[in-house]
Amino acid sequence: MKKIPAKNPRLRLDSTSYAKLQRQVLERDGWRCQVCGSMQNLQVHHLKFRSHSGSDEEQNLITLCAECHERMHGARH
């Protein structure tokens, strides 16, 4: 019989904890978009979307400028 691995519950933080995590990600990424290097209009992007069971964990987040963030979402849909 094949053993099915248990699902890992997705981590979703409350708004205060998420705001702290966003700042940590921005600091980790040197306050720069990780695609183009811009330091303007920065946002934090989920590599695996929340809607696809992506979690609010540092390793699932990356800093992008608004333009690259918009392109990233356009490329996936």
N, C-alpha and C. Protein backbone atom coordinates (compact mmCIF):
# COMPACT_ATOMS: atom_id res chain seq x y z
N MET A 1 0.84 -1.18 0.00
CA MET A 1 0.00 0.00 0.00
C MET A 1 0.89 1.24 0.00
N LYS A 2 0.55 2.20 -0.82
CA LYS A 2 1.31 3.43 -0.95
C LYS A 2 0.95 4.40 0.17
N LYS A 3 1.99 4.93 0.83
CA LYS A 3 1.74 5.90 1.90
C LYS A 3 1.65 7.30 1.31
N ILE A 4 0.59 8.00 1.62
CA ILE A 4 0.38 9.37 1.14
C ILE A 4 0.95 10.32 2.17
N PRO A 5 1.88 11.21 1.74
CA PRO A 5 2.46 12.14 2.71
C PRO A 5 1.41 13.11 3.24
N ALA A 6 1.56 13.45 4.51
CA ALA A 6 0.65 14.41 5.13
C ALA A 6 0.86 15.79 4.54
N LYS A 7 -0.22 16.52 4.38
CA LYS A 7 -0.12 17.89 3.88
C LYS A 7 0.45 18.78 4.96
N ASN A 8 1.32 19.70 4.57
CA ASN A 8 1.81 20.70 5.50
C ASN A 8 0.82 21.84 5.53
N PRO A 9 0.36 22.23 6.71
CA PRO A 9 -0.59 23.34 6.76
C PRO A 9 0.08 24.63 6.30
N ARG A 10 -0.65 25.41 5.55
CA ARG A 10 -0.14 26.68 5.03
C ARG A 10 -0.11 27.70 6.15
N LEU A 11 0.99 28.45 6.23
CA LEU A 11 1.13 29.49 7.23
C LEU A 11 0.56 30.79 6.68
N ARG A 12 -0.42 31.34 7.36
CA ARG A 12 -1.00 32.64 6.98
C ARG A 12 -1.00 33.51 8.22
N LEU A 13 -0.22 34.57 8.18
CA LEU A 13 -0.03 35.43 9.35
C LEU A 13 -1.12 36.47 9.49
N ASP A 14 -1.29 36.96 10.72
CA ASP A 14 -2.18 38.09 10.95
C ASP A 14 -1.52 39.34 10.36
N SER A 15 -2.27 40.41 10.21
CA SER A 15 -1.76 41.59 9.50
C SER A 15 -0.53 42.22 10.16
N THR A 16 -0.48 42.24 11.48
CA THR A 16 0.68 42.83 12.16
C THR A 16 1.93 41.99 11.92
N SER A 17 1.82 40.69 12.07
CA SER A 17 2.96 39.79 11.85
C SER A 17 3.39 39.82 10.39
N TYR A 18 2.42 39.91 9.48
CA TYR A 18 2.75 39.95 8.05
C TYR A 18 3.49 41.24 7.70
N ALA A 19 3.10 42.35 8.29
CA ALA A 19 3.79 43.62 8.05
C ALA A 19 5.24 43.54 8.51
N LYS A 20 5.49 42.89 9.65
CA LYS A 20 6.86 42.69 10.14
C LYS A 20 7.65 41.83 9.16
N LEU A 21 7.02 40.77 8.68
CA LEU A 21 7.69 39.87 7.74
C LEU A 21 8.01 40.59 6.44
N GLN A 22 7.10 41.42 5.95
CA GLN A 22 7.35 42.19 4.73
C GLN A 22 8.60 43.05 4.91
N ARG A 23 8.72 43.70 6.04
CA ARG A 23 9.89 44.54 6.30
C ARG A 23 11.17 43.70 6.33
N GLN A 24 11.10 42.52 6.94
CA GLN A 24 12.25 41.62 6.97
C GLN A 24 12.68 41.25 5.56
N VAL A 25 11.72 40.96 4.70
CA VAL A 25 12.02 40.58 3.32
C VAL A 25 12.65 41.75 2.57
N LEU A 26 12.09 42.94 2.76
CA LEU A 26 12.66 44.13 2.11
C LEU A 26 14.10 44.35 2.56
N GLU A 27 14.35 44.21 3.85
CA GLU A 27 15.70 44.37 4.39
C GLU A 27 16.63 43.28 3.86
N ARG A 28 16.15 42.03 3.86
CA ARG A 28 16.95 40.91 3.35
C ARG A 28 17.38 41.15 1.90
N ASP A 29 16.45 41.70 1.11
CA ASP A 29 16.71 41.92 -0.31
C ASP A 29 17.37 43.27 -0.60
N GLY A 30 17.82 43.94 0.46
CA GLY A 30 18.56 45.19 0.29
C GLY A 30 17.72 46.34 -0.26
N TRP A 31 16.41 46.29 -0.01
CA TRP A 31 15.50 47.35 -0.47
C TRP A 31 15.63 47.56 -1.98
N ARG A 32 15.75 46.46 -2.72
CA ARG A 32 15.86 46.49 -4.19
C ARG A 32 14.97 45.43 -4.81
N CYS A 33 14.39 45.77 -5.95
CA CYS A 33 13.67 44.78 -6.74
C CYS A 33 14.66 43.69 -7.14
N GLN A 34 14.29 42.46 -6.95
CA GLN A 34 15.18 41.34 -7.24
C GLN A 34 15.19 40.96 -8.71
N VAL A 35 14.42 41.68 -9.53
CA VAL A 35 14.43 41.46 -10.97
C VAL A 35 15.24 42.56 -11.67
N CYS A 36 14.86 43.83 -11.41
CA CYS A 36 15.49 44.93 -12.15
C CYS A 36 16.42 45.80 -11.31
N GLY A 37 16.41 45.63 -9.99
CA GLY A 37 17.29 46.41 -9.13
C GLY A 37 16.74 47.75 -8.68
N SER A 38 15.54 48.11 -9.11
CA SER A 38 14.93 49.38 -8.72
C SER A 38 14.74 49.46 -7.21
N MET A 39 14.79 50.68 -6.69
CA MET A 39 14.53 50.92 -5.27
C MET A 39 13.24 51.72 -5.09
N GLN A 40 12.43 51.82 -6.14
CA GLN A 40 11.20 52.60 -6.12
C GLN A 40 9.97 51.68 -6.12
N ASN A 41 8.92 52.09 -5.42
CA ASN A 41 7.62 51.40 -5.44
C ASN A 41 7.75 49.91 -5.14
N LEU A 42 8.46 49.57 -4.06
CA LEU A 42 8.72 48.17 -3.75
C LEU A 42 7.51 47.48 -3.12
N GLN A 43 7.36 46.22 -3.47
CA GLN A 43 6.28 45.38 -2.96
C GLN A 43 6.87 44.01 -2.65
N VAL A 44 6.17 43.25 -1.84
CA VAL A 44 6.60 41.89 -1.51
C VAL A 44 5.68 40.92 -2.23
N HIS A 45 6.29 39.99 -2.97
CA HIS A 45 5.56 39.06 -3.83
C HIS A 45 5.70 37.63 -3.30
N HIS A 46 4.61 36.89 -3.32
CA HIS A 46 4.63 35.46 -2.98
C HIS A 46 5.10 34.67 -4.21
N LEU A 47 6.16 33.91 -4.09
CA LEU A 47 6.63 33.09 -5.20
C LEU A 47 5.60 32.02 -5.54
N LYS A 48 5.07 31.36 -4.52
CA LYS A 48 3.93 30.47 -4.70
C LYS A 48 2.74 31.23 -4.14
N PHE A 49 1.81 31.57 -5.01
CA PHE A 49 0.68 32.41 -4.63
C PHE A 49 -0.10 31.83 -3.46
N ARG A 50 -0.67 32.71 -2.66
CA ARG A 50 -1.55 32.27 -1.57
C ARG A 50 -2.70 31.44 -2.13
N SER A 51 -3.21 31.85 -3.28
CA SER A 51 -4.34 31.14 -3.89
C SER A 51 -3.96 29.73 -4.35
N HIS A 52 -2.66 29.46 -4.43
CA HIS A 52 -2.17 28.12 -4.79
C HIS A 52 -1.50 27.47 -3.59
N SER A 53 -2.01 27.79 -2.41
CA SER A 53 -1.53 27.25 -1.12
C SER A 53 -0.14 27.73 -0.73
N GLY A 54 0.28 28.88 -1.27
CA GLY A 54 1.55 29.47 -0.86
C GLY A 54 1.43 30.05 0.54
N SER A 55 2.51 29.96 1.28
CA SER A 55 2.45 30.40 2.67
C SER A 55 3.15 31.74 2.88
N ASP A 56 2.86 32.34 4.02
CA ASP A 56 3.48 33.59 4.43
C ASP A 56 4.77 33.26 5.19
N GLU A 57 5.75 32.74 4.48
CA GLU A 57 7.04 32.42 5.06
C GLU A 57 8.11 33.15 4.26
N GLU A 58 9.18 33.53 4.93
CA GLU A 58 10.22 34.33 4.29
C GLU A 58 10.73 33.70 3.00
N GLN A 59 10.93 32.39 2.98
CA GLN A 59 11.48 31.75 1.79
C GLN A 59 10.50 31.73 0.61
N ASN A 60 9.23 32.08 0.85
CA ASN A 60 8.25 32.15 -0.23
C ASN A 60 8.02 33.59 -0.70
N LEU A 61 8.79 34.54 -0.19
CA LEU A 61 8.57 35.95 -0.50
C LEU A 61 9.81 36.56 -1.14
N ILE A 62 9.57 37.52 -2.04
CA ILE A 62 10.64 38.21 -2.74
C ILE A 62 10.24 39.67 -2.95
N THR A 63 11.21 40.56 -2.97
CA THR A 63 10.96 41.98 -3.20
C THR A 63 10.95 42.26 -4.70
N LEU A 64 9.88 42.93 -5.14
CA LEU A 64 9.76 43.36 -6.54
C LEU A 64 9.26 44.79 -6.56
N CYS A 65 9.64 45.54 -7.59
CA CYS A 65 9.03 46.86 -7.79
C CYS A 65 7.63 46.63 -8.36
N ALA A 66 6.80 47.64 -8.31
CA ALA A 66 5.41 47.50 -8.76
C ALA A 66 5.34 47.04 -10.21
N GLU A 67 6.23 47.55 -11.06
CA GLU A 67 6.22 47.20 -12.49
C GLU A 67 6.57 45.72 -12.69
N CYS A 68 7.63 45.26 -12.05
CA CYS A 68 8.02 43.85 -12.18
C CYS A 68 6.98 42.94 -11.54
N HIS A 69 6.38 43.39 -10.44
CA HIS A 69 5.34 42.61 -9.76
C HIS A 69 4.15 42.41 -10.70
N GLU A 70 3.76 43.50 -11.36
CA GLU A 70 2.64 43.42 -12.31
C GLU A 70 2.97 42.47 -13.46
N ARG A 71 4.20 42.57 -13.99
CA ARG A 71 4.63 41.67 -15.07
C ARG A 71 4.64 40.21 -14.60
N MET A 72 5.09 39.99 -13.38
CA MET A 72 5.16 38.64 -12.83
C MET A 72 3.76 38.01 -12.78
N HIS A 73 2.78 38.78 -12.35
CA HIS A 73 1.42 38.25 -12.29
C HIS A 73 0.83 38.08 -13.69
N GLY A 74 1.16 38.97 -14.60
CA GLY A 74 0.68 38.84 -15.96
C GLY A 74 1.25 37.64 -16.66
N ALA A 75 2.49 37.28 -16.32
CA ALA A 75 3.15 36.14 -16.95
C ALA A 75 2.57 34.80 -16.49
N ARG A 76 1.96 34.79 -15.31
CA ARG A 76 1.48 33.53 -14.74
C ARG A 76 0.02 33.26 -15.06
N HIS A 77 -0.69 34.24 -15.58
CA HIS A 77 -2.14 34.04 -15.80
C HIS A 77 -2.45 33.86 -17.25
